[in-house]
Amino acid sequence: MDSIAQDGVWINALNPTALIQLLALEDLAVTALELVPWQNRLYLHCTPTAPVAACSDCRTASFQVHQYHRRTVRDLPWGPWACLLQLTRRRFWCARCARPFTAYEHDVGKTNIYAMVGSS
């Protein structure tokens, strides 16, 4: 009869690196946790880690960030709290196309309002 494995993984909830591993956020970094008790919400502030993005039209790599903006995406609840990802979205400038484009990280695309991170 096999016994239950005794070796587990201890994760410090205050360590953003541990949260990245736990939540399988390979292309994103958790920069802050914000618990809002009166709303029963937990916000995970995330920012992309890749310094470059490929243009959606010509696939040319771009390092030049044109603009930043924030986007809130709902995720599954974490205990009694509704969990929301606050994503920093970046728009890059494509020199080849001479226009800006938005870099989409992970499975959170243009129209998703729910996170599907790590679901593949």
N, C-alpha and C. Protein backbone atom coordinates (compact mmCIF):
# COMPACT_ATOMS: atom_id res chain seq x y z
N MET A 1 0.84 -1.17 0.00
CA MET A 1 0.00 0.00 0.00
C MET A 1 0.89 1.24 0.00
N ASP A 2 0.61 2.16 -0.90
CA ASP A 2 1.40 3.39 -1.00
C ASP A 2 0.93 4.39 0.04
N SER A 3 1.89 5.14 0.55
CA SER A 3 1.54 6.18 1.52
C SER A 3 1.43 7.53 0.80
N ILE A 4 0.85 8.46 1.49
CA ILE A 4 0.70 9.81 0.95
C ILE A 4 2.06 10.48 0.96
N ALA A 5 2.40 11.13 -0.13
CA ALA A 5 3.68 11.83 -0.21
C ALA A 5 3.75 12.92 0.85
N GLN A 6 4.88 12.98 1.54
CA GLN A 6 5.06 13.93 2.63
C GLN A 6 5.75 15.22 2.20
N ASP A 7 6.41 15.20 1.05
CA ASP A 7 7.12 16.40 0.64
C ASP A 7 6.18 17.31 -0.15
N GLY A 8 6.01 18.51 0.35
CA GLY A 8 5.14 19.48 -0.28
C GLY A 8 5.94 20.71 -0.66
N VAL A 9 5.26 21.66 -1.19
CA VAL A 9 5.89 22.91 -1.58
C VAL A 9 5.32 24.00 -0.70
N TRP A 10 6.19 24.71 0.00
CA TRP A 10 5.78 25.83 0.83
C TRP A 10 5.88 27.09 0.00
N ILE A 11 4.81 27.87 -0.03
CA ILE A 11 4.79 29.09 -0.81
C ILE A 11 4.49 30.26 0.11
N ASN A 12 5.36 31.24 0.08
CA ASN A 12 5.17 32.46 0.85
C ASN A 12 4.28 33.39 0.04
N ALA A 13 3.07 33.64 0.51
CA ALA A 13 2.10 34.45 -0.24
C ALA A 13 2.58 35.89 -0.44
N LEU A 14 3.54 36.34 0.35
CA LEU A 14 4.05 37.70 0.19
C LEU A 14 5.19 37.79 -0.80
N ASN A 15 5.61 36.66 -1.34
CA ASN A 15 6.71 36.62 -2.29
C ASN A 15 6.14 36.60 -3.72
N PRO A 16 6.25 37.69 -4.48
CA PRO A 16 5.70 37.72 -5.83
C PRO A 16 6.27 36.64 -6.75
N THR A 17 7.52 36.23 -6.56
CA THR A 17 8.11 35.18 -7.38
C THR A 17 7.38 33.86 -7.17
N ALA A 18 7.03 33.57 -5.93
CA ALA A 18 6.29 32.35 -5.64
C ALA A 18 4.91 32.38 -6.27
N LEU A 19 4.28 33.53 -6.27
CA LEU A 19 2.96 33.64 -6.90
C LEU A 19 3.03 33.44 -8.40
N ILE A 20 4.09 33.91 -9.02
CA ILE A 20 4.26 33.72 -10.45
C ILE A 20 4.34 32.24 -10.77
N GLN A 21 5.08 31.49 -9.96
CA GLN A 21 5.21 30.05 -10.17
C GLN A 21 3.89 29.34 -9.88
N LEU A 22 3.23 29.71 -8.81
CA LEU A 22 1.97 29.08 -8.42
C LEU A 22 0.89 29.29 -9.46
N LEU A 23 0.82 30.49 -10.01
CA LEU A 23 -0.24 30.83 -10.96
C LEU A 23 0.16 30.60 -12.41
N ALA A 24 1.36 30.09 -12.66
CA ALA A 24 1.86 29.81 -14.01
C ALA A 24 1.81 31.07 -14.88
N LEU A 25 2.36 32.15 -14.37
CA LEU A 25 2.41 33.41 -15.10
C LEU A 25 3.81 33.61 -15.68
N GLU A 26 4.18 32.81 -16.67
CA GLU A 26 5.54 32.85 -17.18
C GLU A 26 5.91 34.20 -17.80
N ASP A 27 4.98 34.86 -18.47
CA ASP A 27 5.28 36.11 -19.17
C ASP A 27 4.90 37.35 -18.37
N LEU A 28 4.40 37.15 -17.16
CA LEU A 28 3.96 38.26 -16.33
C LEU A 28 4.65 38.19 -14.97
N ALA A 29 4.83 39.35 -14.37
CA ALA A 29 5.38 39.43 -13.02
C ALA A 29 4.33 40.06 -12.11
N VAL A 30 4.12 39.46 -10.95
CA VAL A 30 3.21 40.03 -9.96
C VAL A 30 3.98 41.11 -9.22
N THR A 31 3.55 42.35 -9.36
CA THR A 31 4.26 43.46 -8.74
C THR A 31 3.66 43.87 -7.40
N ALA A 32 2.39 43.51 -7.17
CA ALA A 32 1.75 43.86 -5.90
C ALA A 32 0.50 43.02 -5.70
N LEU A 33 0.17 42.83 -4.44
CA LEU A 33 -1.10 42.22 -4.03
C LEU A 33 -1.88 43.29 -3.29
N GLU A 34 -3.15 43.40 -3.62
CA GLU A 34 -3.99 44.40 -2.96
C GLU A 34 -5.27 43.72 -2.50
N LEU A 35 -5.45 43.64 -1.21
CA LEU A 35 -6.65 43.04 -0.64
C LEU A 35 -7.58 44.18 -0.21
N VAL A 36 -8.78 44.17 -0.77
CA VAL A 36 -9.78 45.19 -0.45
C VAL A 36 -10.92 44.49 0.30
N PRO A 37 -10.83 44.44 1.65
CA PRO A 37 -11.79 43.66 2.42
C PRO A 37 -13.24 44.10 2.26
N TRP A 38 -13.50 45.39 2.18
CA TRP A 38 -14.88 45.86 2.10
C TRP A 38 -15.52 45.50 0.76
N GLN A 39 -14.73 45.16 -0.26
CA GLN A 39 -15.26 44.71 -1.54
C GLN A 39 -15.13 43.20 -1.70
N ASN A 40 -14.48 42.53 -0.74
CA ASN A 40 -14.18 41.10 -0.85
C ASN A 40 -13.43 40.80 -2.14
N ARG A 41 -12.43 41.62 -2.44
CA ARG A 41 -11.66 41.47 -3.67
C ARG A 41 -10.17 41.40 -3.39
N LEU A 42 -9.50 40.59 -4.19
CA LEU A 42 -8.05 40.49 -4.16
C LEU A 42 -7.54 40.86 -5.55
N TYR A 43 -6.74 41.91 -5.62
CA TYR A 43 -6.17 42.35 -6.88
C TYR A 43 -4.72 41.89 -6.97
N LEU A 44 -4.36 41.26 -8.08
CA LEU A 44 -2.98 40.92 -8.37
C LEU A 44 -2.53 41.86 -9.48
N HIS A 45 -1.62 42.76 -9.15
CA HIS A 45 -1.10 43.71 -10.13
C HIS A 45 0.02 43.02 -10.90
N CYS A 46 -0.14 42.91 -12.21
CA CYS A 46 0.80 42.18 -13.06
C CYS A 46 1.33 43.08 -14.16
N THR A 47 2.59 42.84 -14.51
CA THR A 47 3.21 43.57 -15.60
C THR A 47 3.99 42.59 -16.46
N PRO A 48 4.03 42.80 -17.77
CA PRO A 48 4.77 41.89 -18.65
C PRO A 48 6.27 41.96 -18.40
N THR A 49 6.94 40.83 -18.59
CA THR A 49 8.38 40.77 -18.36
C THR A 49 9.19 40.84 -19.65
N ALA A 50 8.60 40.51 -20.78
CA ALA A 50 9.33 40.53 -22.04
C ALA A 50 9.58 41.97 -22.49
N PRO A 51 10.83 42.30 -22.84
CA PRO A 51 11.12 43.67 -23.26
C PRO A 51 10.75 43.95 -24.71
N VAL A 52 10.37 42.94 -25.44
CA VAL A 52 10.11 43.06 -26.87
C VAL A 52 8.77 42.40 -27.20
N ALA A 53 8.14 42.88 -28.27
CA ALA A 53 6.89 42.27 -28.75
C ALA A 53 6.91 42.27 -30.28
N ALA A 54 6.23 41.29 -30.84
CA ALA A 54 6.16 41.18 -32.31
C ALA A 54 4.92 41.90 -32.80
N CYS A 55 5.07 42.65 -33.88
CA CYS A 55 3.96 43.36 -34.50
C CYS A 55 2.91 42.35 -34.95
N SER A 56 1.66 42.67 -34.71
CA SER A 56 0.58 41.75 -35.07
C SER A 56 0.39 41.64 -36.58
N ASP A 57 0.85 42.61 -37.35
CA ASP A 57 0.70 42.57 -38.81
C ASP A 57 1.92 41.97 -39.51
N CYS A 58 3.10 42.54 -39.27
CA CYS A 58 4.29 42.11 -40.02
C CYS A 58 5.23 41.21 -39.21
N ARG A 59 4.92 40.99 -37.93
CA ARG A 59 5.71 40.13 -37.04
C ARG A 59 7.13 40.65 -36.76
N THR A 60 7.39 41.91 -37.04
CA THR A 60 8.68 42.52 -36.76
C THR A 60 8.79 42.79 -35.25
N ALA A 61 9.94 42.47 -34.67
CA ALA A 61 10.15 42.71 -33.25
C ALA A 61 10.32 44.19 -32.97
N SER A 62 9.71 44.65 -31.89
CA SER A 62 9.80 46.05 -31.52
C SER A 62 10.15 46.18 -30.05
N PHE A 63 11.07 47.09 -29.74
CA PHE A 63 11.47 47.39 -28.37
C PHE A 63 10.88 48.72 -27.91
N GLN A 64 10.34 49.50 -28.83
CA GLN A 64 9.92 50.86 -28.53
C GLN A 64 8.47 50.87 -28.01
N VAL A 65 8.33 51.12 -26.70
CA VAL A 65 7.00 51.19 -26.09
C VAL A 65 6.37 52.53 -26.44
N HIS A 66 5.16 52.48 -26.97
CA HIS A 66 4.44 53.67 -27.40
C HIS A 66 3.54 54.20 -26.27
N GLN A 67 2.94 53.27 -25.50
CA GLN A 67 1.97 53.68 -24.50
C GLN A 67 1.71 52.53 -23.52
N TYR A 68 1.34 52.88 -22.29
CA TYR A 68 0.94 51.90 -21.28
C TYR A 68 -0.52 52.16 -20.92
N HIS A 69 -1.27 51.12 -20.61
CA HIS A 69 -2.58 51.28 -20.02
C HIS A 69 -2.92 50.06 -19.18
N ARG A 70 -3.90 50.20 -18.28
CA ARG A 70 -4.26 49.14 -17.34
C ARG A 70 -5.53 48.44 -17.81
N ARG A 71 -5.62 47.16 -17.49
CA ARG A 71 -6.79 46.36 -17.83
C ARG A 71 -7.07 45.43 -16.67
N THR A 72 -8.32 45.31 -16.29
CA THR A 72 -8.73 44.42 -15.21
C THR A 72 -9.41 43.20 -15.80
N VAL A 73 -8.95 42.03 -15.38
CA VAL A 73 -9.49 40.77 -15.87
C VAL A 73 -9.89 39.94 -14.66
N ARG A 74 -11.10 39.39 -14.69
CA ARG A 74 -11.58 38.55 -13.59
C ARG A 74 -10.95 37.18 -13.68
N ASP A 75 -10.65 36.63 -12.52
CA ASP A 75 -10.11 35.28 -12.43
C ASP A 75 -10.99 34.49 -11.47
N LEU A 76 -10.65 33.24 -11.24
CA LEU A 76 -11.40 32.43 -10.30
C LEU A 76 -11.25 32.97 -8.89
N PRO A 77 -12.23 32.78 -8.03
CA PRO A 77 -12.12 33.26 -6.66
C PRO A 77 -10.96 32.60 -5.92
N TRP A 78 -10.39 33.33 -4.99
CA TRP A 78 -9.31 32.81 -4.16
C TRP A 78 -9.82 32.85 -2.72
N GLY A 79 -10.32 31.73 -2.27
CA GLY A 79 -10.97 31.67 -0.97
C GLY A 79 -12.25 32.50 -1.02
N PRO A 80 -12.47 33.34 -0.04
CA PRO A 80 -13.70 34.14 -0.03
C PRO A 80 -13.62 35.40 -0.91
N TRP A 81 -12.49 35.64 -1.54
CA TRP A 81 -12.29 36.87 -2.30
C TRP A 81 -12.43 36.65 -3.80
N ALA A 82 -13.06 37.59 -4.44
CA ALA A 82 -13.06 37.62 -5.91
C ALA A 82 -11.65 38.05 -6.32
N CYS A 83 -11.05 37.33 -7.23
CA CYS A 83 -9.68 37.61 -7.64
C CYS A 83 -9.69 38.30 -9.00
N LEU A 84 -8.99 39.41 -9.08
CA LEU A 84 -8.91 40.17 -10.32
C LEU A 84 -7.44 40.43 -10.65
N LEU A 85 -7.10 40.28 -11.92
CA LEU A 85 -5.76 40.60 -12.38
C LEU A 85 -5.78 42.02 -12.94
N GLN A 86 -4.90 42.85 -12.43
CA GLN A 86 -4.72 44.20 -12.97
C GLN A 86 -3.50 44.13 -13.88
N LEU A 87 -3.73 44.09 -15.17
CA LEU A 87 -2.65 43.92 -16.15
C LEU A 87 -2.19 45.26 -16.70
N THR A 88 -0.89 45.42 -16.80
CA THR A 88 -0.34 46.57 -17.50
C THR A 88 -0.20 46.16 -18.96
N ARG A 89 -0.95 46.80 -19.82
CA ARG A 89 -0.88 46.52 -21.25
C ARG A 89 0.07 47.51 -21.89
N ARG A 90 0.80 47.04 -22.89
CA ARG A 90 1.75 47.91 -23.58
C ARG A 90 1.41 48.00 -25.06
N ARG A 91 1.51 49.20 -25.57
CA ARG A 91 1.41 49.40 -27.02
C ARG A 91 2.82 49.74 -27.50
N PHE A 92 3.26 49.02 -28.51
CA PHE A 92 4.58 49.24 -29.08
C PHE A 92 4.45 49.97 -30.41
N TRP A 93 5.54 50.57 -30.85
CA TRP A 93 5.59 51.24 -32.14
C TRP A 93 6.33 50.34 -33.11
N CYS A 94 5.69 50.01 -34.23
CA CYS A 94 6.33 49.21 -35.27
C CYS A 94 6.96 50.15 -36.29
N ALA A 95 8.27 50.08 -36.42
CA ALA A 95 8.98 50.95 -37.37
C ALA A 95 8.67 50.56 -38.80
N ARG A 96 8.45 49.28 -39.05
CA ARG A 96 8.19 48.81 -40.41
C ARG A 96 6.81 49.24 -40.90
N CYS A 97 5.79 49.06 -40.05
CA CYS A 97 4.42 49.44 -40.42
C CYS A 97 4.12 50.91 -40.14
N ALA A 98 4.97 51.55 -39.34
CA ALA A 98 4.82 52.96 -38.96
C ALA A 98 3.48 53.20 -38.24
N ARG A 99 3.17 52.28 -37.30
CA ARG A 99 1.95 52.44 -36.51
C ARG A 99 2.10 51.67 -35.20
N PRO A 100 1.30 52.03 -34.19
CA PRO A 100 1.36 51.31 -32.92
C PRO A 100 0.56 50.01 -32.97
N PHE A 101 0.92 49.07 -32.09
CA PHE A 101 0.17 47.83 -31.94
C PHE A 101 0.19 47.43 -30.47
N THR A 102 -0.81 46.69 -30.05
CA THR A 102 -0.90 46.24 -28.67
C THR A 102 -0.32 44.85 -28.53
N ALA A 103 0.52 44.67 -27.52
CA ALA A 103 1.09 43.36 -27.22
C ALA A 103 0.14 42.65 -26.27
N TYR A 104 -0.31 41.45 -26.67
CA TYR A 104 -1.21 40.66 -25.83
C TYR A 104 -0.43 39.55 -25.16
N GLU A 105 -0.40 39.57 -23.84
CA GLU A 105 0.31 38.57 -23.06
C GLU A 105 -0.60 37.40 -22.73
N HIS A 106 -0.04 36.23 -22.72
CA HIS A 106 -0.72 35.01 -22.30
C HIS A 106 -1.98 34.77 -23.10
N ASP A 107 -2.97 34.15 -22.45
CA ASP A 107 -4.25 33.85 -23.07
C ASP A 107 -5.27 34.95 -22.85
N VAL A 108 -4.84 36.07 -22.28
CA VAL A 108 -5.75 37.18 -22.06
C VAL A 108 -5.65 38.07 -23.29
N GLY A 109 -6.53 37.85 -24.21
CA GLY A 109 -6.46 38.54 -25.50
C GLY A 109 -7.25 39.82 -25.54
N LYS A 110 -7.73 40.16 -26.73
CA LYS A 110 -8.41 41.43 -26.95
C LYS A 110 -9.74 41.52 -26.20
N THR A 111 -10.51 40.43 -26.22
CA THR A 111 -11.88 40.51 -25.73
C THR A 111 -12.14 39.71 -24.46
N ASN A 112 -11.17 38.95 -23.97
CA ASN A 112 -11.41 38.14 -22.78
C ASN A 112 -11.60 39.02 -21.55
N ILE A 113 -12.64 38.71 -20.78
CA ILE A 113 -12.81 39.39 -19.50
C ILE A 113 -12.49 38.43 -18.36
N TYR A 114 -12.28 37.16 -18.69
CA TYR A 114 -11.89 36.16 -17.70
C TYR A 114 -10.49 35.67 -18.04
N ALA A 115 -9.68 35.47 -17.03
CA ALA A 115 -8.33 34.98 -17.24
C ALA A 115 -8.38 33.50 -17.54
N MET A 116 -7.58 33.07 -18.51
CA MET A 116 -7.46 31.66 -18.83
C MET A 116 -5.99 31.26 -18.72
N VAL A 117 -5.30 31.91 -17.82
CA VAL A 117 -3.87 31.68 -17.62
C VAL A 117 -3.66 30.28 -17.08
N GLY A 118 -2.76 29.54 -17.71
CA GLY A 118 -2.43 28.21 -17.25
C GLY A 118 -3.49 27.16 -17.53
N SER A 119 -4.45 27.46 -18.42
CA SER A 119 -5.54 26.52 -18.67
C SER A 119 -5.25 25.56 -19.82
N SER A 120 -4.13 25.74 -20.51
CA SER A 120 -3.84 24.87 -21.65
C SER A 120 -3.21 23.57 -21.24
